[in-house]
Amino acid sequence: MLPVVFWQGWGDDEWATGRKEAMMPQQVRVEIEQAVAQLVLCAPDSGNRVDIGFAQDLARAVEVIAQADEVRVVWLWAEGKDFSQGGDLRPFHAAIDQLDEALPELFEAFNPALEQLWSLPVPVVAQVQGWCVGGALGMVSLADVVVAGASTRLRPAFPGLGISNAGGSTIGFASRMGPAAARRFCMLNELLDAEQGRQAGLLDVVVDDDLLRARAEEVVHQLASGPTLAYVGMRHNFARLVGVSVAESLGFEAENIRVCAASQDAREAVTAFMEKRPSVMRGK
């Protein structure tokens, strides 16, 4: 039997045999037991929003998984009613005059964490409920299997922020929906419910909310007891059909985010959101 490893926060002795709880504020934690690494978004009070702290915690949690022995599946899930309400705009509003620096800084932290997560040599199962928006939806779209509750609502959200798509959504959406549907989904900022998300290919399994945890656990344990190398080979085989790697896709996204972050529209979008009014886009 493997030891239980519980990581919460980041310190000099984050590894422990048995169960350790270092009471430090964090937005992502990891629990490893048997062959399963649970990667948990654990800031439900803030809507599990994506910010630099989230990205840094994600990177550290994934590093713990990468260093663990005998992990055979990652189970990505979130506490609270929503998987993630998307990006946290408050820091960007505070730095509105330096948005061209602040916004790319987020993705300089987020993108390496995503690249490392999707390079883990094990399958990833995502369990989703409530809102799943923006970069968090991009992250989920790269999972090998996505199990969702009936309450799930999906939206790209990027146009409303005046930025191009991010979070790995380019390769994630395109591989799941096809390039034309993915482009339309992002440009029209479409809202999909759970069944629409399943039909579009963004979700793989949809169940009633009260059955979500149990169904996700079934999938996790099926993969944890299966041929891990074969699963990773399948992921690589199908990724070749898209024509770019996750790293290359994240690079394209980062380049376009830098352009958008310097625009008047991005500053207007952030300001309008904080002022709770419709944004007026000028195309500049």
Protein backbone atom coordinates (compact mmCIF):
# COMPACT_ATOMS: atom_id res chain seq x y z
CA MET A 1 0.00 0.00 0.00
CA LEU A 2 1.28 3.45 -0.90
CA PRO A 3 1.51 6.14 1.79
CA VAL A 4 -0.97 8.99 1.82
CA VAL A 5 0.62 12.28 0.85
CA PHE A 6 -1.30 15.45 1.57
CA TRP A 7 0.06 18.78 0.34
CA GLN A 8 -1.53 22.04 1.42
CA GLY A 9 0.47 25.18 0.92
CA TRP A 10 4.22 25.07 0.32
CA GLY A 11 7.02 24.68 2.79
CA ASP A 12 10.33 22.92 3.33
CA ASP A 13 8.76 19.69 4.52
CA GLU A 14 5.62 19.40 2.40
CA TRP A 15 6.17 15.66 1.93
CA ALA A 16 5.01 13.37 4.68
CA THR A 17 4.34 9.71 5.24
CA GLY A 18 0.90 9.44 6.69
CA ARG A 19 -1.22 12.59 6.60
CA LYS A 20 0.08 16.13 6.98
CA GLU A 21 -1.95 19.33 7.06
CA ALA A 22 0.08 22.54 7.00
CA MET A 23 -2.51 25.21 7.57
CA MET A 24 -1.39 27.71 4.96
CA PRO A 25 -3.67 29.67 2.63
CA GLN A 26 -3.80 28.09 -0.80
CA GLN A 27 -6.01 27.75 -3.85
CA VAL A 28 -4.93 24.31 -5.05
CA ARG A 29 -4.03 21.27 -3.01
CA VAL A 30 -3.03 17.72 -3.84
CA GLU A 31 -3.77 14.48 -2.05
CA ILE A 32 -2.09 11.26 -3.18
CA GLU A 33 -3.35 7.90 -2.01
CA GLN A 34 -2.77 4.56 -3.64
CA ALA A 35 -2.43 5.27 -7.38
CA VAL A 36 -4.67 8.36 -7.43
CA ALA A 37 -3.50 11.98 -7.20
CA GLN A 38 -6.39 14.30 -6.40
CA LEU A 39 -5.72 17.82 -7.67
CA VAL A 40 -8.26 20.01 -5.91
CA LEU A 41 -9.24 23.64 -6.52
CA CYS A 42 -9.92 24.67 -2.93
CA ALA A 43 -10.89 28.35 -2.88
CA PRO A 44 -14.68 28.09 -3.27
CA ASP A 45 -15.35 31.35 -1.40
CA SER A 46 -13.67 33.25 -4.26
CA GLY A 47 -15.21 31.06 -6.96
CA ASN A 48 -11.94 29.16 -7.56
CA ARG A 49 -10.89 32.06 -9.75
CA VAL A 50 -7.68 32.02 -11.74
CA ASP A 51 -5.01 34.50 -10.66
CA ILE A 52 -1.26 34.41 -10.16
CA GLY A 53 -1.59 32.76 -6.76
CA PHE A 54 -3.76 30.07 -8.30
CA ALA A 55 -1.23 29.51 -11.08
CA GLN A 56 1.67 29.28 -8.63
CA ASP A 57 -0.21 26.84 -6.40
CA LEU A 58 -1.14 24.75 -9.43
CA ALA A 59 2.49 24.57 -10.54
CA ARG A 60 3.65 23.49 -7.08
CA ALA A 61 0.89 20.90 -6.76
CA VAL A 62 1.69 19.41 -10.16
CA GLU A 63 5.36 19.24 -9.19
CA VAL A 64 4.40 17.18 -6.14
CA ILE A 65 2.53 14.77 -8.40
CA ALA A 66 5.42 14.60 -10.86
CA GLN A 67 7.80 13.61 -8.07
CA ALA A 68 5.48 10.99 -6.55
CA ASP A 69 5.98 7.30 -7.19
CA GLU A 70 3.35 5.05 -8.74
CA VAL A 71 0.67 7.66 -9.48
CA ARG A 72 -1.46 6.26 -12.31
CA VAL A 73 -4.22 8.84 -12.67
CA VAL A 74 -4.88 12.49 -11.77
CA TRP A 75 -8.35 13.43 -10.54
CA LEU A 76 -8.97 17.17 -11.07
CA TRP A 77 -11.95 18.55 -9.16
CA ALA A 78 -13.09 21.64 -7.28
CA GLU A 79 -14.71 22.41 -3.98
CA GLY A 80 -17.85 24.55 -3.92
CA LYS A 81 -20.81 25.03 -6.23
CA ASP A 82 -18.67 26.14 -9.20
CA PHE A 83 -15.63 24.52 -10.72
CA SER A 84 -14.28 27.99 -11.53
CA GLN A 85 -15.78 31.37 -12.25
CA GLY A 86 -12.80 32.23 -14.47
CA GLY A 87 -10.15 34.90 -14.10
CA ASP A 88 -10.03 37.27 -11.15
CA LEU A 89 -10.14 40.78 -12.63
CA ARG A 90 -9.58 42.70 -9.40
CA PRO A 91 -5.76 42.65 -9.61
CA PHE A 92 -5.95 43.85 -13.21
CA HIS A 93 -8.24 46.72 -12.29
CA ALA A 94 -5.77 47.78 -9.60
CA ALA A 95 -3.03 47.75 -12.26
CA ILE A 96 -5.15 49.15 -15.09
CA ASP A 97 -2.43 51.55 -16.27
CA GLN A 98 0.06 48.67 -16.45
CA LEU A 99 -2.34 46.10 -17.89
CA ASP A 100 0.07 45.32 -20.72
CA GLU A 101 2.47 44.00 -18.05
CA ALA A 102 0.03 42.60 -15.48
CA LEU A 103 -2.07 40.44 -17.80
CA PRO A 104 0.83 38.65 -19.53
CA GLU A 105 2.37 38.08 -16.08
CA LEU A 106 -0.59 35.88 -15.17
CA PHE A 107 -0.06 33.63 -18.16
CA GLU A 108 3.70 33.55 -17.60
CA ALA A 109 2.78 31.75 -14.36
CA PHE A 110 -0.27 29.81 -15.59
CA ASN A 111 1.05 28.43 -18.87
CA PRO A 112 4.07 26.53 -17.47
CA ALA A 113 1.81 24.94 -14.86
CA LEU A 114 -0.59 23.82 -17.59
CA GLU A 115 2.24 22.50 -19.74
CA GLN A 116 3.59 20.48 -16.83
CA LEU A 117 0.15 19.15 -15.92
CA TRP A 118 -0.54 17.88 -19.43
CA SER A 119 2.93 16.36 -19.75
CA LEU A 120 2.35 14.05 -16.77
CA PRO A 121 2.63 10.46 -18.05
CA VAL A 122 -0.77 9.48 -16.65
CA PRO A 123 -4.40 10.08 -17.69
CA VAL A 124 -6.30 13.03 -16.21
CA VAL A 125 -9.98 12.94 -15.24
CA ALA A 126 -11.76 16.26 -14.65
CA GLN A 127 -14.90 16.45 -12.49
CA VAL A 128 -16.91 19.61 -13.21
CA GLN A 129 -19.95 21.29 -11.69
CA GLY A 130 -21.59 24.71 -11.81
CA TRP A 131 -19.77 27.39 -13.78
CA CYS A 132 -16.61 26.49 -15.65
CA VAL A 133 -15.37 29.61 -17.41
CA GLY A 134 -12.43 31.06 -19.31
CA GLY A 135 -8.94 29.75 -18.64
CA ALA A 136 -10.30 27.14 -16.24
CA LEU A 137 -12.47 25.76 -19.04
CA GLY A 138 -9.40 25.72 -21.26
CA MET A 139 -7.62 23.66 -18.61
CA VAL A 140 -10.53 21.22 -18.33
CA SER A 141 -10.79 20.82 -22.10
CA LEU A 142 -7.36 19.18 -22.12
CA ALA A 143 -8.39 16.43 -19.70
CA ASP A 144 -8.61 12.91 -21.08
CA VAL A 145 -12.09 12.37 -19.63
CA VAL A 146 -14.46 15.09 -18.37
CA VAL A 147 -17.31 14.03 -16.08
CA ALA A 148 -19.84 16.78 -15.39
CA GLY A 149 -22.89 17.37 -13.26
CA ALA A 150 -26.18 18.51 -14.76
CA SER A 151 -25.66 21.96 -13.19
CA THR A 152 -22.58 22.60 -15.32
CA ARG A 153 -22.48 25.78 -17.39
CA LEU A 154 -19.67 26.48 -19.85
CA ARG A 155 -18.61 29.81 -21.32
CA PRO A 156 -15.30 30.92 -22.90
CA ALA A 157 -15.71 34.52 -21.55
CA PHE A 158 -12.62 35.82 -23.37
CA PRO A 159 -14.40 38.36 -25.64
CA GLY A 160 -15.97 40.02 -22.63
CA LEU A 161 -12.48 40.62 -21.26
CA GLY A 162 -11.17 42.03 -24.51
CA ILE A 163 -8.59 39.27 -24.85
CA SER A 164 -7.98 36.29 -27.11
CA ASN A 165 -8.55 32.78 -25.79
CA ALA A 166 -6.09 31.26 -23.32
CA GLY A 167 -5.58 28.50 -20.76
CA GLY A 168 -4.81 25.86 -23.37
CA SER A 169 -8.23 26.38 -24.92
CA THR A 170 -6.87 26.61 -28.47
CA ILE A 171 -5.76 23.00 -28.64
CA GLY A 172 -8.30 21.83 -26.05
CA PHE A 173 -11.40 23.27 -27.71
CA ALA A 174 -10.21 22.45 -31.23
CA SER A 175 -9.43 18.82 -30.40
CA ARG A 176 -12.80 18.35 -28.71
CA MET A 177 -15.11 20.44 -30.91
CA GLY A 178 -13.25 20.84 -34.19
CA PRO A 179 -11.56 24.13 -35.20
CA ALA A 180 -14.63 25.79 -36.75
CA ALA A 181 -16.93 25.06 -33.81
CA ALA A 182 -14.21 26.06 -31.33
CA ARG A 183 -13.65 29.38 -33.10
CA ARG A 184 -17.39 30.08 -33.15
CA PHE A 185 -17.73 29.10 -29.48
CA CYS A 186 -15.03 31.61 -28.51
CA MET A 187 -15.95 34.48 -30.84
CA LEU A 188 -19.69 34.37 -30.03
CA ASN A 189 -18.97 33.71 -26.36
CA GLU A 190 -21.58 30.97 -26.38
CA LEU A 191 -23.16 29.69 -23.17
CA LEU A 192 -23.60 25.90 -23.07
CA ASP A 193 -25.47 23.87 -20.49
CA ALA A 194 -24.26 20.40 -19.55
CA GLU A 195 -26.10 18.49 -22.27
CA GLN A 196 -25.11 21.02 -24.92
CA GLY A 197 -21.52 20.73 -23.69
CA ARG A 198 -21.67 16.95 -24.05
CA GLN A 199 -23.10 17.20 -27.56
CA ALA A 200 -20.41 19.72 -28.50
CA GLY A 201 -17.67 17.40 -27.23
CA LEU A 202 -16.45 19.54 -24.34
CA LEU A 203 -17.88 17.10 -21.79
CA ASP A 204 -17.68 13.33 -22.00
CA VAL A 205 -20.11 12.13 -19.32
CA VAL A 206 -23.04 14.05 -17.80
CA VAL A 207 -24.89 12.82 -14.71
CA ASP A 208 -27.18 14.27 -12.05
CA ASP A 209 -25.27 16.43 -9.59
CA ASP A 210 -25.86 14.03 -6.72
CA LEU A 211 -24.25 11.23 -8.74
CA LEU A 212 -21.27 13.28 -9.95
CA ARG A 213 -18.72 12.34 -7.32
CA ALA A 214 -19.49 8.63 -7.52
CA ARG A 215 -19.42 8.54 -11.34
CA ALA A 216 -16.13 10.45 -11.49
CA GLU A 217 -14.65 8.09 -8.93
CA GLU A 218 -15.68 5.10 -11.07
CA VAL A 219 -13.86 6.55 -14.06
CA VAL A 220 -10.81 7.42 -11.97
CA HIS A 221 -10.48 3.93 -10.56
CA GLN A 222 -11.08 2.32 -13.95
CA LEU A 223 -8.13 4.28 -15.37
CA ALA A 224 -6.00 3.80 -12.24
CA SER A 225 -6.25 0.03 -12.66
CA GLY A 226 -5.73 0.04 -16.43
CA PRO A 227 -2.74 0.12 -18.84
CA THR A 228 -1.25 3.52 -18.03
CA LEU A 229 1.31 3.52 -20.83
CA ALA A 230 -1.38 2.60 -23.35
CA TYR A 231 -3.56 5.50 -22.19
CA VAL A 232 -0.70 7.96 -22.59
CA GLY A 233 0.05 6.51 -26.02
CA MET A 234 -3.59 7.08 -26.99
CA ARG A 235 -3.34 10.69 -25.86
CA HIS A 236 -0.22 11.22 -27.97
CA ASN A 237 -1.75 9.48 -31.00
CA PHE A 238 -4.81 11.70 -31.05
CA ALA A 239 -2.80 14.85 -30.24
CA ARG A 240 -0.90 14.36 -33.50
CA LEU A 241 -4.13 14.90 -35.43
CA VAL A 242 -4.35 18.46 -34.08
CA GLY A 243 -0.91 19.23 -35.46
CA VAL A 244 0.54 21.25 -32.56
CA SER A 245 1.67 20.40 -29.06
CA VAL A 246 0.24 21.84 -25.86
CA ALA A 247 3.45 23.85 -25.43
CA GLU A 248 3.22 25.31 -28.94
CA SER A 249 -0.46 26.16 -28.46
CA LEU A 250 0.24 27.91 -25.16
CA GLY A 251 2.98 29.89 -26.89
CA PHE A 252 0.55 31.11 -29.57
CA GLU A 253 -1.91 32.11 -26.87
CA ALA A 254 0.73 34.01 -24.89
CA GLU A 255 1.77 36.01 -27.96
CA ASN A 256 -1.80 37.11 -28.65
CA ILE A 257 -2.49 37.87 -24.98
CA ARG A 258 0.43 40.31 -24.98
CA VAL A 259 -1.07 42.15 -27.95
CA CYS A 260 -4.55 42.23 -26.41
CA ALA A 261 -3.27 43.34 -23.01
CA ALA A 262 -1.96 46.56 -24.54
CA SER A 263 -5.29 47.41 -26.13
CA GLN A 264 -7.85 50.01 -25.11
CA ASP A 265 -10.54 47.33 -25.31
CA ALA A 266 -8.90 45.20 -22.62
CA ARG A 267 -8.64 48.16 -20.25
CA GLU A 268 -12.26 49.07 -20.97
CA ALA A 269 -13.42 45.49 -20.38
CA VAL A 270 -11.73 45.27 -16.98
CA THR A 271 -12.99 48.71 -15.93
CA ALA A 272 -16.55 47.98 -17.07
CA PHE A 273 -16.59 44.65 -15.25
CA MET A 274 -15.52 46.25 -11.98
CA GLU A 275 -18.02 49.09 -12.46
CA LYS A 276 -20.77 46.56 -13.27
CA ARG A 277 -21.71 48.16 -16.58
CA PRO A 278 -21.64 47.03 -20.21
CA SER A 279 -18.29 47.51 -21.89
CA VAL A 280 -17.94 49.63 -25.02
CA MET A 281 -15.41 48.08 -27.39
CA ARG A 282 -13.63 50.38 -29.85
CA GLY A 283 -11.56 47.81 -31.69
CA LYS A 284 -8.34 49.46 -30.52
